[in-house]
Amino acid sequence: QVRLVESGGGLVQTGGSLRLSCVASGRIFSGNVMGWYRQAPGMQRELVGTITSGGSTTLGDSAKGRFTISRDNAKNTVYLQMNSLKPEDTGVYYCYYVYFSAFWGQGTQVTVSS
């Protein structure tokens, strides 16, 4: 089992920044992929970005140019730096970890006011 704990969400004004963190604990294997999804009210969960243990990243279209995903393997932590935030970025942001099986965090709320 893998436990994921997110932090860093909150309320921010349009144009502001937030940095989310997610710490993984439990049976962590090298070669995993970690990342972030988000879910806005009434919407399906969508990809924000992923990062492999080797540092290769993928960003969803809505995140490109504004968000950066990074990780610290020694700390089993993945980060999401979000800049130039927009009201449409509002939602619950979920961390995930996958190595054959997928695990999800409880989510952290991000609210961007206009």
N, C-alpha and C. Protein backbone atom coordinates (compact mmCIF):
# COMPACT_ATOMS: atom_id res chain seq x y z
N GLN A 1 0.84 -1.20 0.00
CA GLN A 1 0.00 0.00 0.00
C GLN A 1 0.87 1.24 0.00
N VAL A 2 0.34 2.29 -0.61
CA VAL A 2 1.02 3.58 -0.66
C VAL A 2 0.04 4.63 -0.16
N ARG A 3 0.52 5.46 0.72
CA ARG A 3 -0.29 6.56 1.25
C ARG A 3 0.24 7.87 0.69
N LEU A 4 -0.68 8.71 0.22
CA LEU A 4 -0.31 9.99 -0.36
C LEU A 4 -1.00 11.10 0.43
N VAL A 5 -0.23 12.09 0.81
CA VAL A 5 -0.76 13.22 1.57
C VAL A 5 -0.41 14.50 0.85
N GLU A 6 -1.45 15.22 0.41
CA GLU A 6 -1.25 16.48 -0.30
C GLU A 6 -1.32 17.65 0.67
N SER A 7 -0.67 18.73 0.28
CA SER A 7 -0.75 19.97 1.04
C SER A 7 -0.50 21.13 0.10
N GLY A 8 -0.83 22.34 0.58
CA GLY A 8 -0.51 23.53 -0.19
C GLY A 8 -1.68 24.19 -0.89
N GLY A 9 -2.85 23.57 -0.84
CA GLY A 9 -4.00 24.20 -1.48
C GLY A 9 -4.47 25.41 -0.69
N GLY A 10 -5.41 26.14 -1.27
CA GLY A 10 -5.95 27.30 -0.58
C GLY A 10 -6.66 28.22 -1.53
N LEU A 11 -6.89 29.42 -1.05
CA LEU A 11 -7.58 30.45 -1.82
C LEU A 11 -6.56 31.45 -2.33
N VAL A 12 -6.65 31.77 -3.60
CA VAL A 12 -5.71 32.71 -4.20
C VAL A 12 -6.46 33.54 -5.24
N GLN A 13 -6.00 34.74 -5.47
CA GLN A 13 -6.61 35.59 -6.47
C GLN A 13 -6.11 35.25 -7.87
N THR A 14 -6.88 35.62 -8.85
CA THR A 14 -6.47 35.44 -10.25
C THR A 14 -5.08 36.05 -10.47
N GLY A 15 -4.24 35.28 -11.14
CA GLY A 15 -2.87 35.72 -11.39
C GLY A 15 -1.88 35.30 -10.33
N GLY A 16 -2.38 34.77 -9.23
CA GLY A 16 -1.52 34.35 -8.13
C GLY A 16 -0.88 33.00 -8.36
N SER A 17 -0.14 32.56 -7.36
CA SER A 17 0.58 31.29 -7.44
C SER A 17 0.31 30.44 -6.21
N LEU A 18 0.43 29.16 -6.39
CA LEU A 18 0.38 28.19 -5.30
C LEU A 18 1.35 27.07 -5.62
N ARG A 19 1.86 26.46 -4.57
CA ARG A 19 2.71 25.28 -4.73
C ARG A 19 2.12 24.14 -3.94
N LEU A 20 1.75 23.10 -4.63
CA LEU A 20 1.23 21.91 -3.98
C LEU A 20 2.35 20.90 -3.76
N SER A 21 2.23 20.17 -2.67
CA SER A 21 3.18 19.10 -2.37
C SER A 21 2.41 17.82 -2.09
N CYS A 22 3.04 16.70 -2.39
CA CYS A 22 2.44 15.41 -2.10
C CYS A 22 3.54 14.47 -1.65
N VAL A 23 3.39 13.95 -0.45
CA VAL A 23 4.36 13.03 0.11
C VAL A 23 3.82 11.62 0.06
N ALA A 24 4.59 10.71 -0.49
CA ALA A 24 4.22 9.31 -0.56
C ALA A 24 4.94 8.53 0.53
N SER A 25 4.22 7.60 1.12
CA SER A 25 4.83 6.73 2.12
C SER A 25 4.28 5.32 1.93
N GLY A 26 5.00 4.36 2.52
CA GLY A 26 4.58 2.97 2.38
C GLY A 26 5.54 2.22 1.47
N ARG A 27 5.01 1.32 0.67
CA ARG A 27 5.82 0.49 -0.22
C ARG A 27 6.08 1.26 -1.52
N ILE A 28 7.16 2.03 -1.49
CA ILE A 28 7.53 2.85 -2.63
C ILE A 28 8.58 2.13 -3.47
N PHE A 29 8.32 2.02 -4.75
CA PHE A 29 9.25 1.36 -5.66
C PHE A 29 9.83 2.38 -6.63
N SER A 30 11.10 2.23 -6.93
CA SER A 30 11.70 3.09 -7.94
C SER A 30 11.07 2.73 -9.28
N GLY A 31 11.09 3.68 -10.18
CA GLY A 31 10.45 3.44 -11.46
C GLY A 31 8.98 3.82 -11.47
N ASN A 32 8.52 4.41 -10.38
CA ASN A 32 7.11 4.79 -10.32
C ASN A 32 6.87 6.08 -11.09
N VAL A 33 5.62 6.35 -11.30
CA VAL A 33 5.19 7.62 -11.88
C VAL A 33 4.27 8.29 -10.86
N MET A 34 4.49 9.56 -10.66
CA MET A 34 3.62 10.33 -9.77
C MET A 34 3.08 11.52 -10.54
N GLY A 35 2.05 12.12 -10.02
CA GLY A 35 1.50 13.26 -10.73
C GLY A 35 0.28 13.83 -10.06
N TRP A 36 -0.40 14.65 -10.82
CA TRP A 36 -1.55 15.38 -10.32
C TRP A 36 -2.69 15.33 -11.32
N TYR A 37 -3.88 15.15 -10.79
CA TYR A 37 -5.12 15.33 -11.52
C TYR A 37 -5.93 16.38 -10.76
N ARG A 38 -6.90 16.91 -11.41
CA ARG A 38 -7.80 17.83 -10.72
C ARG A 38 -9.23 17.57 -11.17
N GLN A 39 -10.14 17.99 -10.30
CA GLN A 39 -11.56 17.83 -10.60
C GLN A 39 -12.31 19.07 -10.17
N ALA A 40 -12.92 19.72 -11.14
CA ALA A 40 -13.75 20.88 -10.87
C ALA A 40 -15.17 20.41 -10.57
N PRO A 41 -15.95 21.21 -9.86
CA PRO A 41 -17.32 20.83 -9.54
C PRO A 41 -18.12 20.46 -10.79
N GLY A 42 -18.73 19.28 -10.78
CA GLY A 42 -19.55 18.84 -11.89
C GLY A 42 -18.78 18.37 -13.10
N MET A 43 -17.47 18.30 -12.98
CA MET A 43 -16.64 17.92 -14.14
C MET A 43 -15.92 16.61 -13.86
N GLN A 44 -15.42 16.01 -14.92
CA GLN A 44 -14.62 14.80 -14.75
C GLN A 44 -13.22 15.17 -14.30
N ARG A 45 -12.58 14.19 -13.68
CA ARG A 45 -11.20 14.41 -13.27
C ARG A 45 -10.34 14.51 -14.53
N GLU A 46 -9.41 15.47 -14.52
CA GLU A 46 -8.56 15.66 -15.68
C GLU A 46 -7.09 15.71 -15.28
N LEU A 47 -6.26 15.31 -16.21
CA LEU A 47 -4.82 15.29 -15.98
C LEU A 47 -4.27 16.70 -15.88
N VAL A 48 -3.44 16.92 -14.86
CA VAL A 48 -2.68 18.15 -14.76
C VAL A 48 -1.25 17.89 -15.24
N GLY A 49 -0.63 16.88 -14.67
CA GLY A 49 0.72 16.56 -15.10
C GLY A 49 1.25 15.31 -14.42
N THR A 50 2.25 14.70 -15.04
CA THR A 50 2.89 13.52 -14.47
C THR A 50 4.39 13.67 -14.53
N ILE A 51 5.07 12.92 -13.69
CA ILE A 51 6.53 12.93 -13.71
C ILE A 51 7.02 11.54 -13.34
N THR A 52 7.94 11.03 -14.14
CA THR A 52 8.53 9.73 -13.84
C THR A 52 9.62 9.88 -12.79
N SER A 53 10.08 8.75 -12.27
CA SER A 53 11.16 8.82 -11.28
C SER A 53 12.44 9.35 -11.91
N GLY A 54 12.55 9.26 -13.23
CA GLY A 54 13.71 9.80 -13.92
C GLY A 54 13.59 11.27 -14.26
N GLY A 55 12.42 11.85 -13.99
CA GLY A 55 12.24 13.28 -14.18
C GLY A 55 11.55 13.68 -15.47
N SER A 56 11.12 12.74 -16.26
CA SER A 56 10.39 13.09 -17.48
C SER A 56 8.98 13.53 -17.12
N THR A 57 8.56 14.63 -17.71
CA THR A 57 7.27 15.21 -17.35
C THR A 57 6.31 15.26 -18.53
N THR A 58 5.06 15.23 -18.19
CA THR A 58 3.97 15.44 -19.14
C THR A 58 3.00 16.40 -18.49
N LEU A 59 2.56 17.40 -19.23
CA LEU A 59 1.60 18.36 -18.71
C LEU A 59 0.35 18.34 -19.56
N GLY A 60 -0.79 18.47 -18.90
CA GLY A 60 -2.03 18.61 -19.62
C GLY A 60 -2.09 19.96 -20.31
N ASP A 61 -2.95 20.06 -21.31
CA ASP A 61 -3.01 21.29 -22.09
C ASP A 61 -3.28 22.52 -21.24
N SER A 62 -4.12 22.39 -20.23
CA SER A 62 -4.46 23.55 -19.41
C SER A 62 -3.31 23.98 -18.51
N ALA A 63 -2.33 23.12 -18.32
CA ALA A 63 -1.22 23.43 -17.43
C ALA A 63 0.02 23.95 -18.17
N LYS A 64 0.08 23.69 -19.44
CA LYS A 64 1.29 24.06 -20.19
C LYS A 64 1.52 25.56 -20.16
N GLY A 65 2.77 25.93 -19.88
CA GLY A 65 3.14 27.34 -19.85
C GLY A 65 2.90 28.03 -18.52
N ARG A 66 2.15 27.38 -17.62
CA ARG A 66 1.85 28.01 -16.33
C ARG A 66 2.24 27.14 -15.15
N PHE A 67 2.16 25.86 -15.29
CA PHE A 67 2.44 24.94 -14.18
C PHE A 67 3.74 24.19 -14.43
N THR A 68 4.40 23.85 -13.33
CA THR A 68 5.61 23.04 -13.40
C THR A 68 5.48 21.90 -12.40
N ILE A 69 5.79 20.71 -12.84
CA ILE A 69 5.77 19.57 -11.94
C ILE A 69 7.21 19.11 -11.71
N SER A 70 7.52 18.78 -10.48
CA SER A 70 8.87 18.32 -10.13
C SER A 70 8.76 17.31 -9.00
N ARG A 71 9.87 16.67 -8.67
CA ARG A 71 9.84 15.70 -7.59
C ARG A 71 11.20 15.60 -6.93
N ASP A 72 11.16 15.12 -5.71
CA ASP A 72 12.37 14.83 -4.93
C ASP A 72 12.28 13.36 -4.55
N ASN A 73 13.01 12.53 -5.25
CA ASN A 73 12.91 11.09 -5.01
C ASN A 73 13.37 10.70 -3.61
N ALA A 74 14.34 11.42 -3.09
CA ALA A 74 14.83 11.10 -1.74
C ALA A 74 13.76 11.33 -0.69
N LYS A 75 12.85 12.24 -0.97
CA LYS A 75 11.76 12.56 -0.04
C LYS A 75 10.43 11.94 -0.47
N ASN A 76 10.44 11.20 -1.57
CA ASN A 76 9.20 10.62 -2.10
C ASN A 76 8.11 11.69 -2.23
N THR A 77 8.50 12.82 -2.74
CA THR A 77 7.60 13.97 -2.80
C THR A 77 7.52 14.49 -4.23
N VAL A 78 6.31 14.83 -4.63
CA VAL A 78 6.08 15.47 -5.92
C VAL A 78 5.48 16.84 -5.67
N TYR A 79 5.85 17.80 -6.49
CA TYR A 79 5.41 19.17 -6.34
C TYR A 79 4.69 19.63 -7.60
N LEU A 80 3.79 20.57 -7.39
CA LEU A 80 3.13 21.22 -8.52
C LEU A 80 3.17 22.72 -8.26
N GLN A 81 3.99 23.41 -9.02
CA GLN A 81 4.07 24.87 -8.95
C GLN A 81 3.09 25.43 -9.95
N MET A 82 2.13 26.21 -9.46
CA MET A 82 1.09 26.77 -10.31
C MET A 82 1.20 28.28 -10.31
N ASN A 83 1.43 28.83 -11.46
CA ASN A 83 1.54 30.28 -11.63
C ASN A 83 0.43 30.79 -12.53
N SER A 84 0.22 32.09 -12.50
CA SER A 84 -0.80 32.72 -13.35
C SER A 84 -2.14 32.00 -13.23
N LEU A 85 -2.55 31.76 -12.04
CA LEU A 85 -3.77 30.98 -11.82
C LEU A 85 -5.00 31.72 -12.31
N LYS A 86 -5.96 30.94 -12.80
CA LYS A 86 -7.20 31.46 -13.34
C LYS A 86 -8.37 30.85 -12.56
N PRO A 87 -9.52 31.49 -12.58
CA PRO A 87 -10.69 30.90 -11.89
C PRO A 87 -11.01 29.49 -12.37
N GLU A 88 -10.75 29.19 -13.63
CA GLU A 88 -11.04 27.85 -14.14
C GLU A 88 -10.06 26.80 -13.61
N ASP A 89 -9.05 27.22 -12.90
CA ASP A 89 -8.15 26.26 -12.24
C ASP A 89 -8.72 25.77 -10.91
N THR A 90 -9.82 26.35 -10.50
CA THR A 90 -10.45 25.96 -9.24
C THR A 90 -10.88 24.50 -9.28
N GLY A 91 -10.62 23.80 -8.20
CA GLY A 91 -11.01 22.41 -8.11
C GLY A 91 -10.26 21.70 -7.01
N VAL A 92 -10.50 20.42 -6.90
CA VAL A 92 -9.76 19.59 -5.97
C VAL A 92 -8.62 18.93 -6.74
N TYR A 93 -7.44 19.08 -6.21
CA TYR A 93 -6.24 18.55 -6.86
C TYR A 93 -5.82 17.27 -6.14
N TYR A 94 -5.71 16.21 -6.92
CA TYR A 94 -5.38 14.90 -6.38
C TYR A 94 -3.99 14.46 -6.84
N CYS A 95 -3.24 13.98 -5.88
CA CYS A 95 -1.95 13.39 -6.17
C CYS A 95 -2.15 11.91 -6.46
N TYR A 96 -1.35 11.38 -7.35
CA TYR A 96 -1.42 9.94 -7.56
C TYR A 96 -0.03 9.37 -7.76
N TYR A 97 0.02 8.07 -7.50
CA TYR A 97 1.26 7.29 -7.61
C TYR A 97 0.88 6.01 -8.33
N VAL A 98 1.70 5.61 -9.28
CA VAL A 98 1.42 4.37 -9.97
C VAL A 98 2.69 3.58 -10.18
N TYR A 99 2.64 2.34 -9.79
CA TYR A 99 3.66 1.35 -10.09
C TYR A 99 2.92 0.03 -10.13
N PHE A 100 2.48 -0.36 -11.28
CA PHE A 100 1.56 -1.47 -11.50
C PHE A 100 0.17 -1.13 -10.94
N SER A 101 0.09 -0.78 -9.68
CA SER A 101 -1.18 -0.34 -9.10
C SER A 101 -1.15 1.16 -8.89
N ALA A 102 -2.34 1.76 -8.89
CA ALA A 102 -2.45 3.20 -8.71
C ALA A 102 -3.03 3.52 -7.34
N PHE A 103 -2.51 4.57 -6.75
CA PHE A 103 -2.99 5.05 -5.46
C PHE A 103 -3.24 6.55 -5.57
N TRP A 104 -4.22 6.99 -4.79
CA TRP A 104 -4.63 8.39 -4.85
C TRP A 104 -4.61 9.01 -3.46
N GLY A 105 -4.31 10.31 -3.45
CA GLY A 105 -4.45 11.05 -2.21
C GLY A 105 -5.89 11.49 -2.01
N GLN A 106 -6.12 12.15 -0.89
CA GLN A 106 -7.47 12.60 -0.54
C GLN A 106 -7.85 13.89 -1.27
N GLY A 107 -6.87 14.58 -1.78
CA GLY A 107 -7.14 15.80 -2.52
C GLY A 107 -6.95 17.05 -1.68
N THR A 108 -6.61 18.13 -2.33
CA THR A 108 -6.49 19.42 -1.68
C THR A 108 -7.22 20.45 -2.53
N GLN A 109 -7.99 21.30 -1.87
CA GLN A 109 -8.83 22.26 -2.59
C GLN A 109 -8.01 23.47 -3.02
N VAL A 110 -8.18 23.84 -4.27
CA VAL A 110 -7.60 25.08 -4.80
C VAL A 110 -8.76 25.93 -5.30
N THR A 111 -8.82 27.14 -4.80
CA THR A 111 -9.87 28.07 -5.23
C THR A 111 -9.22 29.35 -5.71
N VAL A 112 -9.54 29.72 -6.94
CA VAL A 112 -8.99 30.93 -7.52
C VAL A 112 -10.14 31.92 -7.70
N SER A 113 -10.04 33.03 -7.00
CA SER A 113 -11.10 34.03 -7.06
C SER A 113 -10.83 35.03 -8.19
N SER A 114 -11.92 35.50 -8.76
CA SER A 114 -11.79 36.46 -9.88
C SER A 114 -11.78 37.89 -9.38
